[in-house]
N, C-alpha and C. Protein backbone atom coordinates (compact mmCIF):
# COMPACT_ATOMS: atom_id res chain seq x y z
N GLU A 1 7.04 7.81 -3.03
CA GLU A 1 6.41 8.26 -4.26
C GLU A 1 5.47 7.21 -4.86
N PRO A 2 5.77 5.91 -4.80
CA PRO A 2 4.81 4.93 -5.34
C PRO A 2 3.46 4.99 -4.64
N GLN A 3 3.45 5.28 -3.33
CA GLN A 3 2.17 5.38 -2.62
C GLN A 3 1.35 6.53 -3.16
N LEU A 4 2.00 7.62 -3.51
CA LEU A 4 1.31 8.79 -4.05
C LEU A 4 0.65 8.45 -5.38
N VAL A 5 1.34 7.70 -6.21
CA VAL A 5 0.78 7.31 -7.50
C VAL A 5 -0.43 6.41 -7.30
N VAL A 6 -0.32 5.44 -6.40
CA VAL A 6 -1.45 4.54 -6.13
C VAL A 6 -2.62 5.32 -5.56
N TYR A 7 -2.35 6.26 -4.66
CA TYR A 7 -3.42 7.08 -4.08
C TYR A 7 -4.10 7.90 -5.17
N GLY A 8 -3.32 8.48 -6.08
CA GLY A 8 -3.89 9.29 -7.16
C GLY A 8 -4.77 8.46 -8.07
N VAL A 9 -4.32 7.28 -8.43
CA VAL A 9 -5.11 6.40 -9.29
C VAL A 9 -6.39 5.99 -8.59
N THR A 10 -6.29 5.64 -7.32
CA THR A 10 -7.47 5.23 -6.56
C THR A 10 -8.45 6.39 -6.40
N PHE A 11 -7.92 7.59 -6.17
CA PHE A 11 -8.77 8.77 -6.01
C PHE A 11 -9.55 9.04 -7.29
N PHE A 12 -8.88 8.98 -8.43
CA PHE A 12 -9.57 9.24 -9.69
C PHE A 12 -10.57 8.14 -10.02
N ALA A 13 -10.26 6.90 -9.65
CA ALA A 13 -11.21 5.81 -9.86
C ALA A 13 -12.44 6.02 -8.99
N SER A 14 -12.25 6.48 -7.76
CA SER A 14 -13.39 6.75 -6.88
C SER A 14 -14.24 7.89 -7.42
N GLU A 15 -13.61 8.91 -7.97
CA GLU A 15 -14.36 10.01 -8.57
C GLU A 15 -15.17 9.53 -9.76
N ALA A 16 -14.58 8.65 -10.56
CA ALA A 16 -15.30 8.13 -11.73
C ALA A 16 -16.52 7.34 -11.28
N ILE A 17 -16.39 6.55 -10.22
CA ILE A 17 -17.52 5.78 -9.70
C ILE A 17 -18.59 6.73 -9.18
N LEU A 18 -18.18 7.79 -8.50
CA LEU A 18 -19.13 8.76 -7.97
C LEU A 18 -19.90 9.45 -9.10
N VAL A 19 -19.18 9.88 -10.13
CA VAL A 19 -19.84 10.54 -11.27
C VAL A 19 -20.79 9.57 -11.94
N TRP A 20 -20.35 8.34 -12.12
CA TRP A 20 -21.20 7.32 -12.75
C TRP A 20 -22.47 7.11 -11.93
N GLY A 21 -22.32 6.97 -10.62
CA GLY A 21 -23.47 6.70 -9.75
C GLY A 21 -24.42 7.86 -9.60
N VAL A 22 -23.89 9.08 -9.56
CA VAL A 22 -24.73 10.24 -9.31
C VAL A 22 -25.39 10.76 -10.57
N PHE A 23 -24.68 10.79 -11.66
CA PHE A 23 -25.19 11.46 -12.85
C PHE A 23 -25.70 10.51 -13.94
N ILE A 24 -25.01 9.44 -14.18
CA ILE A 24 -25.34 8.59 -15.33
C ILE A 24 -26.43 7.58 -15.01
N LEU A 25 -26.32 6.87 -13.91
CA LEU A 25 -27.29 5.81 -13.61
C LEU A 25 -28.73 6.30 -13.44
N PRO A 26 -28.97 7.43 -12.76
CA PRO A 26 -30.38 7.87 -12.66
C PRO A 26 -31.01 8.17 -14.02
N PHE A 27 -30.24 8.77 -14.91
CA PHE A 27 -30.77 9.06 -16.24
C PHE A 27 -31.00 7.78 -17.03
N ALA A 28 -30.07 6.84 -16.91
CA ALA A 28 -30.22 5.57 -17.61
C ALA A 28 -31.45 4.82 -17.10
N ALA A 29 -31.69 4.89 -15.80
CA ALA A 29 -32.86 4.22 -15.23
C ALA A 29 -34.15 4.84 -15.74
N GLN A 30 -34.18 6.16 -15.87
CA GLN A 30 -35.38 6.82 -16.37
C GLN A 30 -35.61 6.49 -17.84
N ILE A 31 -34.54 6.48 -18.61
CA ILE A 31 -34.67 6.19 -20.04
C ILE A 31 -35.14 4.76 -20.24
N ALA A 32 -34.60 3.84 -19.45
CA ALA A 32 -34.96 2.43 -19.59
C ALA A 32 -36.32 2.12 -18.98
N GLY A 33 -36.89 3.06 -18.24
CA GLY A 33 -38.19 2.84 -17.62
C GLY A 33 -38.11 1.98 -16.37
N VAL A 34 -36.95 1.96 -15.72
CA VAL A 34 -36.78 1.18 -14.50
C VAL A 34 -37.46 1.92 -13.36
N ASP A 35 -38.06 1.18 -12.47
CA ASP A 35 -38.72 1.77 -11.31
C ASP A 35 -37.73 2.60 -10.50
N CYS A 36 -38.16 3.74 -10.00
CA CYS A 36 -37.27 4.66 -9.28
C CYS A 36 -36.66 4.01 -8.04
N HIS A 37 -37.41 3.17 -7.35
CA HIS A 37 -36.90 2.57 -6.13
C HIS A 37 -35.73 1.64 -6.43
N CYS A 38 -35.79 0.94 -7.55
CA CYS A 38 -34.67 0.07 -7.91
C CYS A 38 -33.43 0.89 -8.21
N GLY A 39 -33.62 2.01 -8.91
CA GLY A 39 -32.49 2.89 -9.20
C GLY A 39 -31.88 3.45 -7.93
N LEU A 40 -32.72 3.81 -6.97
CA LEU A 40 -32.23 4.34 -5.70
C LEU A 40 -31.46 3.28 -4.93
N ASP A 41 -31.95 2.05 -4.92
CA ASP A 41 -31.24 0.96 -4.25
C ASP A 41 -29.87 0.75 -4.87
N LEU A 42 -29.81 0.83 -6.20
CA LEU A 42 -28.54 0.66 -6.89
C LEU A 42 -27.58 1.78 -6.52
N LEU A 43 -28.07 3.01 -6.48
CA LEU A 43 -27.23 4.15 -6.11
C LEU A 43 -26.72 4.03 -4.68
N LEU A 44 -27.59 3.63 -3.77
CA LEU A 44 -27.17 3.48 -2.37
C LEU A 44 -26.10 2.40 -2.24
N GLY A 45 -26.24 1.33 -2.99
CA GLY A 45 -25.23 0.28 -2.98
C GLY A 45 -23.89 0.77 -3.47
N GLN A 46 -23.91 1.62 -4.51
CA GLN A 46 -22.66 2.15 -5.03
C GLN A 46 -22.04 3.15 -4.06
N PHE A 47 -22.86 3.97 -3.41
CA PHE A 47 -22.32 4.90 -2.42
C PHE A 47 -21.69 4.14 -1.26
N HIS A 48 -22.30 3.03 -0.86
CA HIS A 48 -21.73 2.22 0.22
C HIS A 48 -20.35 1.70 -0.19
N ALA A 49 -20.23 1.21 -1.41
CA ALA A 49 -18.95 0.71 -1.89
C ALA A 49 -17.91 1.83 -1.94
N LEU A 50 -18.32 3.02 -2.36
CA LEU A 50 -17.41 4.15 -2.43
C LEU A 50 -16.93 4.55 -1.04
N ILE A 51 -17.84 4.57 -0.07
CA ILE A 51 -17.47 4.92 1.30
C ILE A 51 -16.51 3.88 1.87
N GLU A 52 -16.74 2.62 1.59
CA GLU A 52 -15.84 1.57 2.07
C GLU A 52 -14.46 1.74 1.46
N ASP A 53 -14.38 2.09 0.17
CA ASP A 53 -13.08 2.32 -0.46
C ASP A 53 -12.36 3.50 0.19
N LEU A 54 -13.10 4.56 0.48
CA LEU A 54 -12.48 5.72 1.12
C LEU A 54 -12.00 5.40 2.53
N LYS A 55 -12.74 4.56 3.25
CA LYS A 55 -12.32 4.15 4.60
C LYS A 55 -10.99 3.41 4.54
N GLU A 56 -10.83 2.56 3.53
CA GLU A 56 -9.59 1.80 3.40
C GLU A 56 -8.41 2.73 3.12
N LEU A 57 -8.65 3.82 2.39
CA LEU A 57 -7.56 4.75 2.10
C LEU A 57 -7.12 5.51 3.34
N LEU A 58 -8.07 5.79 4.21
CA LEU A 58 -7.74 6.56 5.41
C LEU A 58 -7.21 5.62 6.45
């Protein structure tokens, strides 16, 4: 049962990172006037980190 709790917490943390990276950062970059390429690089970096976290879970 402790593994299930840790998995649940990690899963929700990964979802929060995904929501942050997909929905919030692009809008923040546009509002701040950041170049689109920099925002895309930041998003790709976050997706890479998310994929690495998911690999560790599996």
